[in-house]
Amino acid sequence: MNHIQSYISEHKDRFLNELIELLKIPSISADSAYKNDVLKTADVIKISLEKAGCNTVEICKTDGYPIVYGEKIIDKSLPTVLVYGHYDVQPPDPIDLWDSPPFEPVIKNTEKHPEGAIFARGACDDKGQMYMHVKAMEFMTATNQLPCNVKFMIEGEEEIGSANLATFVKNNQEKLKNDVILISDTGMIANDVPSITTGLRGLSYVEVEVTGPNRDLHSGLYGGAVANPINVLTKMIASLHDENNHITIPRFYDNVEELSKEERAEMAKAPFSLENYKKALDIDAVYGEASYTTNERNSIRPTLDVNGIWGGYTGEGAKTVIASKAYAKISMRLVPHQNWHEITQLFENHFESIAPKGVTVKVKPHHGGQGYVTPIDNIGYKAASKAYQDTFGKTPIPQRSGGSIPIVSLFEQELKSKTILMGFGLDSDAIHSPNEHFGVWNYLKGIETIPLFYKYFTELNN
């Protein structure tokens, strides 16, 4: 890949400005109030792919938000890379914790990003990382260095479970036929410690509702005489972990893979400072399942966490009331071999069984997906590793991630191809949180590295 660094240097300001304009659009798929913004973003991606050199680009309708598909086929005898990404973003709440408005991108220098970082919702997850692929495509076509065929599938519902992607994939297997799938929606250990994600956790996401009396009650007249749904809900949630922070749902661990001592020792070789980890989060101690390290807890072990809880009066001042209802949103991160449908059913059965008399319980499943592990001896991983070696000057470390991209296992099932996860974000980039950001250096380094993946993947296939 000749002249890639000079091309990036020459077009750096434009690359940044294009991403900033994309980040200004609040493409929040979870909130229907932003429907037009999500659709507008799909149009912008379509235009960007056309300008990057795709011969065919179309906006494919689904029962939800559309999928933007693009391709450039230069020779059907050559390998084909399918790039997946998403243009929707998480809600920015709570807004008051942002240092700058979430959809008014700004570049600020930070300790980990001395060259600057773009602060905006979606900067790292996933607009910034997805757009690296668009600009990498532009470089390869503009300089006539595209070595193989390329297809793009950019969706608008990843943050709400990719509800319509499975149907699209199943109905378009020939269109999506490929030799490897490339995704940048993960991270790496550090800017000087490159890594490639080789495992993802699965997910089961549910909402629970506990109902007591048929209306809100005066806490003086009724307190102590009827079940308080908020009190009950908090007790039920607390019972989901034992004293060792082990999940108490019967059969929850039936299919959990226990890694060998050798595998755990290999994982422990990855650079990690517990003190720096605590300092970055401003906590004095870590917390989690007994007998496992922090990096094991957040990658190879399943978890159960409350993501939101509400009920009763939460406005300013006081209101002495026993709420009629209480609610919580709960996510369970799963490891490979745990079936998310089975886990959702186990949760529902258990949660309903532990409800005391005086309340009723409803469990509403939202979405989920399977975990995924990719082998490091396949051509795709080897090509990615060589690309990182060229641009970082170091061999990347294979690393399992605690995050979830539920559709990855679907891709392997339906399209029969492996997925390579080339992430360029950092754990400190605050994805899903206020002040999300993505390093300018990381953005440009991704654009530099991705074309080399194409080069080596094509060479290794010959």
Protein backbone atom coordinates (compact mmCIF):
# COMPACT_ATOMS: atom_id res chain seq x y z
CA MET A 1 0.00 0.00 0.00
CA ASN A 2 2.10 2.86 -1.33
CA HIS A 3 1.77 6.45 -0.12
CA ILE A 4 -0.95 5.73 2.42
CA GLN A 5 0.56 7.96 5.11
CA SER A 6 1.01 10.87 2.71
CA TYR A 7 -2.58 10.44 1.47
CA ILE A 8 -3.90 10.53 5.04
CA SER A 9 -1.75 13.56 5.86
CA GLU A 10 -2.98 15.40 2.78
CA HIS A 11 -6.66 14.67 3.50
CA LYS A 12 -6.57 14.65 7.31
CA ASP A 13 -8.64 17.80 7.81
CA ARG A 14 -11.31 16.62 5.39
CA PHE A 15 -11.44 13.17 6.99
CA LEU A 16 -12.01 14.80 10.39
CA ASN A 17 -14.56 17.32 9.11
CA GLU A 18 -16.60 14.63 7.37
CA LEU A 19 -16.74 12.58 10.57
CA ILE A 20 -17.67 15.65 12.62
CA GLU A 21 -20.59 16.41 10.28
CA LEU A 22 -21.75 12.78 10.58
CA LEU A 23 -21.58 12.97 14.38
CA LYS A 24 -23.79 16.06 14.43
CA ILE A 25 -26.78 13.95 13.37
CA PRO A 26 -28.54 12.44 16.44
CA SER A 27 -29.23 9.00 14.95
CA ILE A 28 -30.71 7.54 18.16
CA SER A 29 -32.47 4.35 17.10
CA ALA A 30 -33.98 3.69 20.54
CA ASP A 31 -36.08 6.88 20.49
CA SER A 32 -38.70 7.26 17.75
CA ALA A 33 -38.51 11.05 18.13
CA TYR A 34 -35.23 10.83 16.18
CA LYS A 35 -36.58 8.74 13.31
CA ASN A 36 -35.90 11.38 10.67
CA ASP A 37 -32.34 11.81 11.94
CA VAL A 38 -31.68 8.09 11.69
CA LEU A 39 -33.01 8.05 8.13
CA LYS A 40 -30.95 11.14 7.27
CA THR A 41 -27.83 9.37 8.51
CA ALA A 42 -28.50 6.43 6.19
CA ASP A 43 -28.63 8.87 3.27
CA VAL A 44 -25.31 10.41 4.32
CA ILE A 45 -23.66 6.98 4.51
CA LYS A 46 -24.97 6.13 1.04
CA ILE A 47 -23.44 9.27 -0.44
CA SER A 48 -20.16 8.63 1.41
CA LEU A 49 -19.87 5.10 0.01
CA GLU A 50 -20.55 6.36 -3.50
CA LYS A 51 -17.84 8.99 -3.17
CA ALA A 52 -15.46 6.38 -1.73
CA GLY A 53 -15.66 4.37 -4.92
CA CYS A 54 -18.43 1.79 -4.55
CA ASN A 55 -19.97 0.95 -7.92
CA THR A 56 -23.30 0.00 -6.41
CA VAL A 57 -24.88 1.56 -3.32
CA GLU A 58 -28.47 1.12 -2.18
CA ILE A 59 -30.60 1.81 0.84
CA CYS A 60 -32.35 -1.47 1.66
CA LYS A 61 -35.64 -1.14 3.48
CA THR A 62 -36.46 -3.34 6.48
CA ASP A 63 -39.36 -3.42 8.92
CA GLY A 64 -37.31 -0.94 10.95
CA TYR A 65 -34.45 1.33 9.95
CA PRO A 66 -32.76 0.69 6.61
CA ILE A 67 -29.49 -1.07 5.86
CA VAL A 68 -27.03 0.71 3.59
CA TYR A 69 -25.42 -1.76 1.19
CA GLY A 70 -22.52 -0.97 -1.13
CA GLU A 71 -20.06 -2.96 -3.18
CA LYS A 72 -17.16 -2.76 -5.57
CA ILE A 73 -16.48 -5.99 -7.43
CA ILE A 74 -13.25 -5.79 -9.42
CA ASP A 75 -12.79 -9.49 -10.22
CA LYS A 76 -15.06 -12.32 -9.13
CA SER A 77 -12.09 -14.65 -8.92
CA LEU A 78 -10.58 -12.53 -6.14
CA PRO A 79 -11.51 -12.73 -2.43
CA THR A 80 -14.39 -10.63 -1.12
CA VAL A 81 -14.32 -8.70 2.17
CA LEU A 82 -17.67 -7.79 3.76
CA VAL A 83 -17.48 -4.77 6.05
CA TYR A 84 -20.14 -4.48 8.75
CA GLY A 85 -20.81 -1.40 10.86
CA HIS A 86 -23.68 0.62 12.28
CA TYR A 87 -24.76 4.23 11.96
CA ASP A 88 -27.14 4.39 14.92
CA VAL A 89 -26.01 5.55 18.36
CA GLN A 90 -26.96 5.17 22.00
CA PRO A 91 -29.13 7.80 23.72
CA PRO A 92 -26.85 10.45 25.25
CA ASP A 93 -28.54 10.54 28.68
CA PRO A 94 -27.77 11.84 31.22
CA ILE A 95 -27.19 15.05 29.26
CA ASP A 96 -26.09 17.09 32.29
CA LEU A 97 -22.99 14.89 32.74
CA TRP A 98 -21.58 15.85 29.33
CA ASP A 99 -18.87 18.52 29.33
CA SER A 100 -20.03 19.59 25.86
CA PRO A 101 -23.29 18.87 23.98
CA PRO A 102 -23.31 15.26 22.70
CA PHE A 103 -24.20 16.21 19.13
CA GLU A 104 -21.93 19.24 18.87
CA PRO A 105 -18.57 17.49 18.32
CA VAL A 106 -15.43 19.11 19.68
CA ILE A 107 -11.79 18.05 19.57
CA LYS A 108 -9.97 18.24 22.91
CA ASN A 109 -6.59 17.01 24.08
CA THR A 110 -6.57 14.40 26.85
CA GLU A 111 -3.93 12.49 28.77
CA LYS A 112 -4.48 9.38 26.64
CA HIS A 113 -5.09 11.36 23.45
CA PRO A 114 -2.47 14.13 23.37
CA GLU A 115 -3.10 14.56 19.62
CA GLY A 116 -6.75 15.26 20.41
CA ALA A 117 -9.98 13.29 20.65
CA ILE A 118 -13.38 13.91 19.10
CA PHE A 119 -16.02 14.20 21.85
CA ALA A 120 -19.53 13.29 20.66
CA ARG A 121 -22.08 10.53 20.95
CA GLY A 122 -21.13 7.82 18.45
CA ALA A 123 -17.55 9.08 18.05
CA CYS A 124 -16.15 5.63 18.87
CA ASP A 125 -19.31 3.49 18.84
CA ASP A 126 -19.58 3.19 15.96
CA LYS A 127 -19.63 6.13 13.57
CA GLY A 128 -15.94 6.92 13.96
CA GLN A 129 -14.79 3.33 13.58
CA MET A 130 -17.24 2.57 10.80
CA TYR A 131 -16.17 5.66 8.88
CA MET A 132 -12.52 4.53 9.00
CA HIS A 133 -13.52 1.80 6.56
CA VAL A 134 -15.19 4.28 4.23
CA LYS A 135 -12.04 6.41 4.13
CA ALA A 136 -9.80 3.35 3.75
CA MET A 137 -11.94 2.39 0.77
CA GLU A 138 -11.54 5.89 -0.64
CA PHE A 139 -7.75 5.64 -0.41
CA MET A 140 -7.62 2.26 -2.14
CA THR A 141 -9.88 3.29 -5.02
CA ALA A 142 -8.43 6.79 -5.44
CA THR A 143 -4.90 5.36 -5.73
CA ASN A 144 -5.94 2.28 -7.71
CA GLN A 145 -4.70 -0.07 -4.98
CA LEU A 146 -7.84 -2.03 -4.12
CA PRO A 147 -6.59 -5.66 -4.20
CA CYS A 148 -9.90 -7.51 -3.88
CA ASN A 149 -13.68 -7.16 -3.86
CA VAL A 150 -15.43 -5.18 -1.13
CA LYS A 151 -18.97 -5.14 0.19
CA PHE A 152 -20.44 -2.88 2.88
CA MET A 153 -23.43 -3.58 5.13
CA ILE A 154 -24.08 -0.65 7.47
CA GLU A 155 -27.19 -0.96 9.64
CA GLY A 156 -29.21 1.43 11.79
CA GLU A 157 -30.46 -0.82 14.59
CA GLU A 158 -27.40 -2.29 16.29
CA GLU A 159 -28.01 -0.36 19.51
CA ILE A 160 -31.51 -1.83 19.78
CA GLY A 161 -30.60 -5.43 19.05
CA SER A 162 -30.40 -5.57 15.22
CA ALA A 163 -33.97 -6.81 15.12
CA ASN A 164 -34.26 -6.80 11.31
CA LEU A 165 -30.71 -7.70 10.35
CA ALA A 166 -31.19 -11.46 10.69
CA THR A 167 -34.03 -11.42 8.16
CA PHE A 168 -31.99 -9.28 5.77
CA VAL A 169 -29.00 -11.59 6.01
CA LYS A 170 -31.08 -14.73 5.52
CA ASN A 171 -32.86 -13.24 2.50
CA ASN A 172 -29.71 -11.88 0.85
CA GLN A 173 -27.12 -14.62 1.20
CA GLU A 174 -25.95 -14.38 -2.40
CA LYS A 175 -25.67 -10.59 -2.26
CA LEU A 176 -23.67 -10.83 0.98
CA LYS A 177 -21.50 -13.78 -0.07
CA ASN A 178 -17.94 -13.19 1.15
CA ASP A 179 -14.67 -14.75 2.25
CA VAL A 180 -14.30 -12.81 5.51
CA ILE A 181 -16.26 -10.25 7.52
CA LEU A 182 -14.46 -7.21 8.88
CA ILE A 183 -15.81 -5.19 11.82
CA SER A 184 -14.41 -2.26 13.80
CA ASP A 185 -16.73 -1.94 16.79
CA THR A 186 -14.34 -3.03 19.52
CA GLY A 187 -11.17 -1.68 21.11
CA MET A 188 -7.54 -2.43 21.78
CA ILE A 189 -5.48 -2.53 24.96
CA ALA A 190 -3.60 0.75 24.41
CA ASN A 191 -2.21 2.89 21.62
CA ASP A 192 1.20 1.31 22.18
CA VAL A 193 -0.23 -2.17 22.83
CA PRO A 194 -2.29 -3.20 19.79
CA SER A 195 -4.71 -6.09 20.18
CA ILE A 196 -7.28 -7.94 18.14
CA THR A 197 -10.54 -9.01 19.72
CA THR A 198 -10.99 -12.78 19.42
CA GLY A 199 -14.04 -13.27 21.63
CA LEU A 200 -17.28 -11.48 22.41
CA ARG A 201 -19.84 -12.11 25.10
CA GLY A 202 -23.47 -12.79 24.31
CA LEU A 203 -26.37 -10.80 25.71
CA SER A 204 -29.83 -11.18 27.18
CA TYR A 205 -31.67 -7.94 27.96
CA VAL A 206 -34.94 -7.85 29.88
CA GLU A 207 -37.25 -5.40 31.59
CA VAL A 208 -39.12 -6.33 34.77
CA GLU A 209 -42.26 -4.84 36.26
CA VAL A 210 -43.46 -5.41 39.83
CA THR A 211 -47.04 -4.38 40.60
CA GLY A 212 -48.58 -4.07 44.06
CA PRO A 213 -51.73 -2.09 44.89
CA ASN A 214 -53.99 -0.79 42.12
CA ARG A 215 -52.87 2.81 42.67
CA ASP A 216 -50.21 4.85 44.44
CA LEU A 217 -50.91 4.93 48.18
CA HIS A 218 -50.32 7.34 51.08
CA SER A 219 -47.26 5.94 52.87
CA GLY A 220 -48.63 6.94 56.27
CA LEU A 221 -52.01 5.31 55.86
CA TYR A 222 -50.78 2.17 54.11
CA GLY A 223 -47.06 1.88 54.90
CA GLY A 224 -46.26 -1.44 56.60
CA ALA A 225 -49.64 -2.91 55.69
CA VAL A 226 -49.19 -3.66 51.97
CA ALA A 227 -46.25 -4.78 49.87
CA ASN A 228 -44.21 -1.88 48.52
CA PRO A 229 -43.25 -2.79 44.92
CA ILE A 230 -40.01 -0.80 45.10
CA ASN A 231 -38.92 -2.51 48.32
CA VAL A 232 -39.88 -5.89 46.86
CA LEU A 233 -38.09 -5.28 43.57
CA THR A 234 -34.83 -4.26 45.26
CA LYS A 235 -34.91 -7.37 47.45
CA MET A 236 -35.57 -9.60 44.46
CA ILE A 237 -32.71 -8.04 42.52
CA ALA A 238 -30.35 -8.32 45.49
CA SER A 239 -31.11 -12.03 45.73
CA LEU A 240 -29.84 -12.63 42.19
CA HIS A 241 -26.24 -12.73 43.51
CA ASP A 242 -24.89 -14.64 46.50
CA GLU A 243 -22.13 -13.58 48.90
CA ASN A 244 -19.49 -14.52 46.29
CA ASN A 245 -21.24 -12.49 43.57
CA HIS A 246 -22.23 -15.74 41.91
CA ILE A 247 -25.52 -15.54 39.98
CA THR A 248 -28.20 -17.55 41.79
CA ILE A 249 -30.52 -18.37 38.88
CA PRO A 250 -30.80 -22.19 38.72
CA ARG A 251 -28.94 -23.75 35.74
CA PHE A 252 -27.51 -20.36 34.72
CA TYR A 253 -23.97 -21.78 34.58
CA ASP A 254 -24.83 -25.11 32.95
CA ASN A 255 -23.07 -24.34 29.66
CA VAL A 256 -20.40 -21.95 30.87
CA GLU A 257 -16.98 -22.93 29.57
CA GLU A 258 -14.31 -23.11 32.27
CA LEU A 259 -10.97 -22.08 30.83
CA SER A 260 -7.94 -24.14 31.78
CA LYS A 261 -5.20 -22.81 34.05
CA GLU A 262 -2.98 -22.57 30.99
CA GLU A 263 -5.52 -20.47 29.08
CA ARG A 264 -6.05 -18.19 32.07
CA ALA A 265 -2.29 -17.81 32.45
CA GLU A 266 -2.02 -16.81 28.80
CA MET A 267 -4.75 -14.21 29.29
CA ALA A 268 -2.90 -12.80 32.28
CA LYS A 269 0.07 -11.91 30.08
CA ALA A 270 -1.82 -8.96 28.60
CA PRO A 271 -0.58 -5.67 30.11
CA PHE A 272 -2.90 -4.53 32.90
CA SER A 273 -2.50 -2.28 35.93
CA LEU A 274 -5.15 -2.73 38.59
CA GLU A 275 -4.13 0.54 40.23
CA ASN A 276 -4.48 2.46 36.97
CA TYR A 277 -7.82 0.76 36.36
CA LYS A 278 -9.12 1.92 39.74
CA LYS A 279 -7.67 5.38 39.29
CA ALA A 280 -9.32 5.82 35.89
CA LEU A 281 -12.72 4.95 37.38
CA ASP A 282 -12.13 6.84 40.66
CA ILE A 283 -12.87 3.77 42.80
CA ASP A 284 -10.93 2.39 45.76
CA ALA A 285 -11.63 -1.30 45.09
CA VAL A 286 -12.82 -3.62 42.33
CA TYR A 287 -15.84 -5.87 42.73
CA GLY A 288 -17.03 -9.09 41.19
CA GLU A 289 -17.22 -12.86 41.19
CA ALA A 290 -14.90 -14.48 43.71
CA SER A 291 -11.83 -16.39 42.48
CA TYR A 292 -11.55 -14.49 39.18
CA THR A 293 -9.40 -11.54 38.18
CA THR A 294 -10.82 -8.26 36.88
CA ASN A 295 -9.95 -9.09 33.27
CA GLU A 296 -11.54 -12.53 33.63
CA ARG A 297 -14.67 -11.11 35.20
CA ASN A 298 -15.23 -8.71 32.33
CA SER A 299 -14.53 -11.12 29.48
CA ILE A 300 -14.76 -14.89 30.11
CA ARG A 301 -17.38 -14.90 32.88
CA PRO A 302 -21.12 -14.23 32.55
CA THR A 303 -22.63 -11.31 34.46
CA LEU A 304 -25.97 -9.87 35.53
CA ASP A 305 -26.36 -6.12 35.97
CA VAL A 306 -29.16 -3.65 36.60
CA ASN A 307 -29.04 -0.98 33.90
CA GLY A 308 -31.89 1.15 35.21
CA ILE A 309 -34.39 1.13 38.06
CA TRP A 310 -37.32 3.41 38.76
CA GLY A 311 -40.68 3.81 40.46
CA GLY A 312 -42.56 6.17 42.76
CA TYR A 313 -41.79 9.87 43.04
CA THR A 314 -38.45 11.07 41.69
CA GLY A 315 -39.13 14.76 41.25
CA GLU A 316 -37.85 17.65 43.33
CA GLY A 317 -38.79 17.73 46.99
CA ALA A 318 -40.74 15.05 48.85
CA LYS A 319 -43.88 13.04 48.22
CA THR A 320 -44.80 10.38 50.75
CA VAL A 321 -46.11 7.69 48.46
CA ILE A 322 -46.05 3.91 48.05
CA ALA A 323 -45.82 3.37 44.31
CA SER A 324 -48.18 1.01 42.56
CA LYS A 325 -45.40 -0.20 40.27
CA ALA A 326 -41.62 -0.52 40.15
CA TYR A 327 -39.44 -1.26 37.16
CA ALA A 328 -35.92 -2.30 36.26
CA LYS A 329 -33.92 -3.01 33.12
CA ILE A 330 -31.47 -5.89 33.49
CA SER A 331 -28.78 -7.16 31.16
CA MET A 332 -26.92 -10.45 31.31
CA ARG A 333 -23.63 -10.75 29.45
CA LEU A 334 -23.11 -14.34 28.40
CA VAL A 335 -20.14 -16.42 27.36
CA PRO A 336 -19.90 -18.74 24.33
CA HIS A 337 -22.14 -21.85 24.56
CA GLN A 338 -24.75 -20.06 26.68
CA ASN A 339 -27.91 -19.79 24.60
CA TRP A 340 -29.44 -16.36 25.13
CA HIS A 341 -32.99 -17.60 24.54
CA GLU A 342 -32.54 -20.26 27.23
CA ILE A 343 -30.98 -17.78 29.65
CA THR A 344 -33.84 -15.34 29.11
CA GLN A 345 -36.35 -18.09 29.90
CA LEU A 346 -34.38 -19.20 32.98
CA PHE A 347 -34.36 -15.63 34.24
CA GLU A 348 -38.08 -15.20 33.65
CA ASN A 349 -38.95 -18.47 35.43
CA HIS A 350 -36.72 -17.69 38.40
CA PHE A 351 -37.73 -14.05 38.80
CA GLU A 352 -41.42 -14.91 38.78
CA SER A 353 -40.83 -17.75 41.26
CA ILE A 354 -39.16 -15.52 43.88
CA ALA A 355 -41.91 -12.88 43.93
CA PRO A 356 -43.66 -12.75 47.34
CA LYS A 357 -47.42 -12.75 47.74
CA GLY A 358 -48.95 -9.31 47.44
CA VAL A 359 -47.28 -8.42 44.12
CA THR A 360 -47.36 -9.62 40.53
CA VAL A 361 -44.33 -9.75 38.24
CA LYS A 362 -43.93 -9.34 34.51
CA VAL A 363 -40.72 -10.01 32.60
CA LYS A 364 -40.44 -8.45 29.15
CA PRO A 365 -37.53 -9.72 27.02
CA HIS A 366 -36.01 -7.03 24.80
CA HIS A 367 -33.18 -8.45 22.72
CA GLY A 368 -30.07 -10.59 22.87
CA GLY A 369 -27.50 -12.58 20.97
CA GLN A 370 -24.90 -15.32 21.16
CA GLY A 371 -21.28 -15.00 22.23
CA TYR A 372 -18.51 -15.58 19.71
CA VAL A 373 -14.92 -16.81 19.59
CA THR A 374 -12.78 -16.61 16.47
CA PRO A 375 -9.70 -18.83 16.01
CA ILE A 376 -6.32 -17.15 15.60
CA ASP A 377 -5.03 -19.66 13.06
CA ASN A 378 -7.28 -18.57 10.18
CA ILE A 379 -6.20 -16.42 7.23
CA GLY A 380 -8.30 -13.44 8.32
CA TYR A 381 -6.63 -13.20 11.71
CA LYS A 382 -3.18 -13.65 10.20
CA ALA A 383 -3.85 -10.86 7.70
CA ALA A 384 -5.04 -8.54 10.46
CA SER A 385 -2.01 -9.37 12.58
CA LYS A 386 0.38 -8.55 9.72
CA ALA A 387 -1.44 -5.27 9.09
CA TYR A 388 -1.04 -4.21 12.73
CA GLN A 389 2.62 -5.22 12.68
CA ASP A 390 3.21 -2.88 9.76
CA THR A 391 1.49 0.16 11.24
CA PHE A 392 2.15 -0.29 14.98
CA GLY A 393 5.52 -2.00 14.73
CA LYS A 394 4.31 -4.69 17.12
CA THR A 395 2.49 -8.00 16.94
CA PRO A 396 -1.06 -7.51 18.26
CA ILE A 397 -2.23 -9.46 21.28
CA PRO A 398 -5.34 -11.65 20.89
CA GLN A 399 -7.88 -10.55 23.49
CA ARG A 400 -11.38 -11.53 24.51
CA SER A 401 -13.80 -8.64 24.99
CA GLY A 402 -16.58 -8.23 27.52
CA GLY A 403 -18.77 -6.46 24.99
CA SER A 404 -21.38 -7.94 22.69
CA ILE A 405 -22.04 -7.72 18.96
CA PRO A 406 -24.94 -10.19 18.78
CA ILE A 407 -24.99 -10.44 15.00
CA VAL A 408 -21.46 -11.89 14.70
CA SER A 409 -22.58 -15.43 15.50
CA LEU A 410 -25.48 -14.97 13.08
CA PHE A 411 -23.03 -14.08 10.31
CA GLU A 412 -21.11 -17.30 10.78
CA GLN A 413 -24.30 -19.35 10.92
CA GLU A 414 -25.88 -17.83 7.80
CA LEU A 415 -22.93 -16.68 5.69
CA LYS A 416 -20.45 -19.42 6.71
CA SER A 417 -17.56 -17.00 7.13
CA LYS A 418 -15.37 -15.87 10.01
CA THR A 419 -15.42 -12.38 11.46
CA ILE A 420 -12.28 -10.37 12.20
CA LEU A 421 -12.68 -7.68 14.86
CA MET A 422 -10.22 -4.87 14.21
CA GLY A 423 -11.08 -2.30 16.86
CA PHE A 424 -9.14 0.93 17.37
CA GLY A 425 -10.95 2.41 20.38
CA LEU A 426 -9.79 2.39 24.00
CA ASP A 427 -11.66 1.28 27.11
CA SER A 428 -11.40 4.86 28.36
CA ASP A 429 -13.30 6.25 25.36
CA ALA A 430 -16.55 6.23 27.39
CA ILE A 431 -18.79 4.48 24.87
CA HIS A 432 -22.43 4.36 26.03
CA SER A 433 -21.48 7.04 28.60
CA PRO A 434 -21.36 10.82 28.82
CA ASN A 435 -18.31 12.36 27.12
CA GLU A 436 -17.82 9.53 24.63
CA HIS A 437 -14.79 10.24 22.47
CA PHE A 438 -12.44 8.77 19.89
CA GLY A 439 -8.79 9.67 19.48
CA VAL A 440 -7.79 11.51 16.32
CA TRP A 441 -4.65 9.35 16.23
CA ASN A 442 -6.77 6.19 16.55
CA TYR A 443 -9.12 7.28 13.77
CA LEU A 444 -6.27 7.97 11.37
CA LYS A 445 -4.34 4.86 12.44
CA GLY A 446 -7.39 2.77 11.58
CA ILE A 447 -7.56 4.31 8.12
CA GLU A 448 -3.87 3.49 7.70
CA THR A 449 -4.14 -0.12 8.93
CA ILE A 450 -7.33 -1.33 7.24
CA PRO A 451 -6.01 -1.24 3.63
CA LEU A 452 -3.11 -3.43 4.70
CA PHE A 453 -5.60 -6.04 5.89
CA TYR A 454 -7.00 -6.18 2.35
CA LYS A 455 -3.50 -6.49 0.92
CA TYR A 456 -2.43 -9.36 3.17
CA PHE A 457 -5.79 -11.15 3.08
CA THR A 458 -5.62 -11.20 -0.71
CA GLU A 459 -2.00 -12.38 -0.71
CA LEU A 460 -2.64 -15.14 1.82
CA ASN A 461 -5.57 -16.42 -0.26
CA ASN A 462 -3.41 -16.89 -3.34
